[in-house]
N, C-alpha and C. Protein backbone atom coordinates (compact mmCIF):
# COMPACT_ATOMS: atom_id res chain seq x y z
N MET A 1 0.74 -1.08 0.16
CA MET A 1 0.11 -0.10 0.04
C MET A 1 0.82 1.10 0.04
N SER A 2 0.48 2.22 -0.97
CA SER A 2 1.24 3.50 -0.86
C SER A 2 0.69 4.52 -0.13
N SER A 3 1.63 5.62 0.52
CA SER A 3 1.28 6.65 1.05
C SER A 3 1.68 7.94 0.39
N GLU A 4 0.82 8.86 0.11
CA GLU A 4 1.17 10.08 -0.56
C GLU A 4 1.72 11.00 0.21
N LEU A 5 3.05 12.10 -0.23
CA LEU A 5 3.49 12.90 0.33
C LEU A 5 2.91 14.14 -0.31
N ARG A 6 2.54 14.97 0.48
CA ARG A 6 1.78 16.14 -0.23
C ARG A 6 2.37 17.65 0.45
N MET A 7 2.30 18.72 -0.61
CA MET A 7 2.83 19.93 0.14
C MET A 7 1.95 20.29 1.10
N PRO A 8 2.43 20.63 2.27
CA PRO A 8 1.64 21.06 3.51
C PRO A 8 1.21 22.62 3.67
N GLN A 9 0.13 22.84 4.11
CA GLN A 9 -0.25 24.24 4.18
C GLN A 9 0.35 24.43 5.54
N LEU A 10 1.13 25.40 5.64
CA LEU A 10 1.91 25.77 6.93
C LEU A 10 1.37 26.99 7.83
N GLY A 11 0.48 27.63 6.78
CA GLY A 11 -0.20 28.55 7.38
C GLY A 11 -1.60 29.09 6.54
N MET A 12 -2.22 29.91 7.28
CA MET A 12 -3.61 29.97 6.72
C MET A 12 -3.53 30.71 5.19
N MET A 13 -2.53 31.48 5.11
CA MET A 13 -2.55 32.19 3.80
C MET A 13 -1.62 31.69 2.85
N MET A 14 -0.81 30.48 3.16
CA MET A 14 -0.26 29.80 2.28
C MET A 14 -0.72 29.01 1.08
N MET A 15 -0.63 29.47 -0.04
CA MET A 15 -1.09 28.89 -1.36
C MET A 15 -0.32 27.97 -1.90
N GLU A 16 1.07 28.34 -1.90
CA GLU A 16 2.06 27.46 -2.77
C GLU A 16 3.35 27.28 -1.53
N GLY A 17 4.31 26.13 -2.05
CA GLY A 17 5.43 26.15 -1.17
C GLY A 17 6.51 25.59 -2.45
N THR A 18 7.71 25.72 -1.90
CA THR A 18 8.95 25.22 -2.70
C THR A 18 9.62 24.02 -1.97
N LEU A 19 9.89 22.96 -2.85
CA LEU A 19 10.81 21.84 -2.45
C LEU A 19 12.12 22.25 -2.48
N LEU A 20 12.55 22.71 -1.17
CA LEU A 20 14.09 23.00 -1.51
C LEU A 20 14.93 21.87 -1.50
N ARG A 21 14.61 20.69 -0.87
CA ARG A 21 15.79 19.70 -1.19
C ARG A 21 15.06 18.25 -0.67
N TRP A 22 15.37 17.38 -1.27
CA TRP A 22 15.03 15.79 -0.93
C TRP A 22 16.20 15.57 0.11
N LEU A 23 15.86 15.06 1.07
CA LEU A 23 16.78 14.49 2.06
C LEU A 23 17.40 13.20 2.19
N VAL A 24 16.71 12.39 1.30
CA VAL A 24 16.86 11.05 0.90
C VAL A 24 16.84 10.88 -0.67
N PRO A 25 17.51 10.04 -1.25
CA PRO A 25 17.39 9.66 -2.79
C PRO A 25 16.35 9.14 -3.13
N ASP A 26 15.66 9.33 -4.27
CA ASP A 26 14.73 8.49 -4.77
C ASP A 26 14.98 6.91 -4.90
N GLY A 27 14.08 6.14 -4.45
CA GLY A 27 14.16 4.65 -4.50
C GLY A 27 14.84 4.25 -3.02
N THR A 28 14.95 5.09 -2.33
CA THR A 28 15.94 4.76 -0.96
C THR A 28 14.71 4.27 0.11
N PRO A 29 14.91 3.14 0.79
CA PRO A 29 14.25 2.80 1.96
C PRO A 29 14.02 3.76 3.13
N VAL A 30 12.89 4.14 3.62
CA VAL A 30 12.68 4.93 4.61
C VAL A 30 11.87 4.27 5.83
N LYS A 31 11.98 5.10 6.89
CA LYS A 31 11.17 4.59 8.23
C LYS A 31 10.01 5.86 8.42
N ALA A 32 8.91 5.16 8.88
CA ALA A 32 7.75 6.14 9.24
C ALA A 32 8.30 7.20 10.15
N GLY A 33 8.14 8.57 10.03
CA GLY A 33 8.64 9.80 11.06
C GLY A 33 10.07 10.11 10.72
N GLN A 34 10.65 9.37 9.62
CA GLN A 34 12.19 9.79 9.13
C GLN A 34 12.01 11.10 8.08
N ASP A 35 12.61 12.15 8.40
CA ASP A 35 12.48 13.34 7.39
C ASP A 35 13.06 12.94 6.21
N VAL A 36 12.16 13.19 5.20
CA VAL A 36 12.68 12.92 3.60
C VAL A 36 12.46 14.06 2.96
N ALA A 37 12.22 15.40 3.36
CA ALA A 37 12.38 16.42 2.17
C ALA A 37 12.13 17.70 3.25
N GLU A 38 12.67 18.74 2.39
CA GLU A 38 12.59 20.09 3.33
C GLU A 38 11.84 20.95 2.47
N ILE A 39 10.51 21.76 2.94
CA ILE A 39 9.86 22.61 2.08
C ILE A 39 10.00 24.13 2.77
N GLU A 40 9.73 24.91 1.74
CA GLU A 40 9.64 26.43 2.32
C GLU A 40 8.34 26.87 1.90
N SER A 41 7.87 27.72 2.93
CA SER A 41 6.83 28.82 2.61
C SER A 41 7.46 30.13 2.75
N GLU A 42 6.48 31.28 2.52
CA GLU A 42 7.13 32.58 2.65
C GLU A 42 7.65 32.79 4.12
N LYS A 43 7.26 32.10 5.05
CA LYS A 43 7.77 32.38 6.41
C LYS A 43 8.56 31.39 7.15
N ALA A 44 8.51 30.03 6.48
CA ALA A 44 9.14 29.18 7.29
C ALA A 44 9.79 28.02 6.39
N VAL A 45 10.81 27.34 7.00
CA VAL A 45 11.20 26.04 6.28
C VAL A 45 10.93 25.00 7.35
N GLN A 46 10.47 23.78 6.80
CA GLN A 46 10.05 22.60 7.54
C GLN A 46 10.33 21.35 6.92
N ALA A 47 10.50 20.31 7.70
CA ALA A 47 11.01 19.18 7.23
C ALA A 47 9.56 18.29 6.89
N ILE A 48 9.31 17.47 5.84
CA ILE A 48 8.58 16.78 5.80
C ILE A 48 8.83 15.14 6.21
N PRO A 49 7.93 14.52 6.99
CA PRO A 49 8.52 13.15 7.54
C PRO A 49 7.87 12.20 6.62
N ALA A 50 8.35 11.06 6.65
CA ALA A 50 7.72 9.97 5.80
C ALA A 50 6.52 9.48 6.76
N PRO A 51 5.38 9.14 5.92
CA PRO A 51 3.97 8.81 6.66
C PRO A 51 4.28 7.19 7.28
N THR A 52 5.07 6.46 6.53
CA THR A 52 4.96 5.17 6.71
C THR A 52 6.29 4.59 6.22
N ASP A 53 6.53 3.46 6.77
CA ASP A 53 7.65 2.49 6.23
C ASP A 53 7.54 2.42 4.59
N GLY A 54 8.43 2.44 3.95
CA GLY A 54 8.78 1.87 2.57
C GLY A 54 9.67 2.47 1.56
N ILE A 55 9.21 2.62 0.39
CA ILE A 55 10.69 3.08 -0.57
C ILE A 55 10.17 4.49 -1.13
N LEU A 56 11.09 5.46 -1.03
CA LEU A 56 10.38 6.94 -1.38
C LEU A 56 10.56 7.16 -2.79
N ARG A 57 9.62 7.39 -3.39
CA ARG A 57 9.44 7.82 -4.91
C ARG A 57 9.07 9.34 -4.81
N GLN A 58 10.08 10.03 -5.42
CA GLN A 58 9.99 11.34 -5.68
C GLN A 58 9.09 11.70 -6.90
N SER A 59 8.30 12.61 -6.84
CA SER A 59 7.43 13.22 -7.75
C SER A 59 8.02 14.65 -8.70
N ILE A 60 8.36 15.37 -7.59
CA ILE A 60 8.87 16.74 -8.24
C ILE A 60 10.51 16.93 -8.09
N ALA A 61 10.68 17.82 -8.63
CA ALA A 61 12.28 18.26 -8.55
C ALA A 61 12.64 19.20 -7.40
N GLU A 62 13.75 19.28 -6.79
CA GLU A 62 14.21 20.24 -5.83
C GLU A 62 13.89 21.61 -6.77
N GLY A 63 13.47 22.80 -5.90
CA GLY A 63 13.31 23.92 -6.38
C GLY A 63 12.06 24.28 -6.85
N GLN A 64 11.32 23.17 -7.14
CA GLN A 64 10.04 23.43 -7.85
C GLN A 64 9.04 24.09 -6.69
N VAL A 65 8.08 25.02 -7.47
CA VAL A 65 7.15 25.57 -6.62
C VAL A 65 5.94 25.03 -7.07
N VAL A 66 5.23 24.46 -5.93
CA VAL A 66 3.70 23.84 -6.13
C VAL A 66 2.77 24.15 -5.27
N PRO A 67 1.53 24.31 -5.57
CA PRO A 67 0.27 24.44 -4.56
C PRO A 67 0.45 23.72 -3.71
N VAL A 68 -0.27 24.24 -2.54
CA VAL A 68 -0.72 23.41 -1.31
C VAL A 68 -1.39 22.28 -1.68
N LEU A 69 -1.26 21.08 -1.06
CA LEU A 69 -1.71 19.86 -1.22
C LEU A 69 -1.51 19.06 -2.36
N SER A 70 -0.32 19.73 -3.42
CA SER A 70 -0.09 18.95 -4.46
C SER A 70 0.83 17.55 -4.26
N LEU A 71 1.07 16.64 -4.88
CA LEU A 71 1.70 15.51 -4.67
C LEU A 71 3.06 16.14 -4.93
N ILE A 72 3.87 15.49 -3.90
CA ILE A 72 5.51 15.75 -4.21
C ILE A 72 6.03 14.48 -4.12
N GLY A 73 5.47 13.15 -3.64
CA GLY A 73 6.19 11.97 -3.61
C GLY A 73 5.39 10.95 -3.16
N ILE A 74 5.73 9.67 -3.20
CA ILE A 74 5.07 8.48 -2.60
C ILE A 74 6.07 7.66 -1.92
N VAL A 75 5.41 7.05 -0.77
CA VAL A 75 6.29 5.90 0.03
C VAL A 75 5.45 4.60 -0.19
N GLU A 76 5.95 3.75 -1.28
CA GLU A 76 5.38 2.72 -1.64
C GLU A 76 5.60 1.37 -0.35
């Protein structure tokens, strides 16, 4: 079963965010709670944890700006 990683909404007014960097390479095994990416809004930088154990599959490139709730990756 796969779990989606989506761009979180860090504040009420946040409409989009930037994927600053992936903390683990595509195709790497990850554990639930392990930080896998860093995202940036206008006011903050935050790490995104893996929702479950599995293999990280990245959906967007570093530096890409995407709307809130957009798919950024999957943990298979």
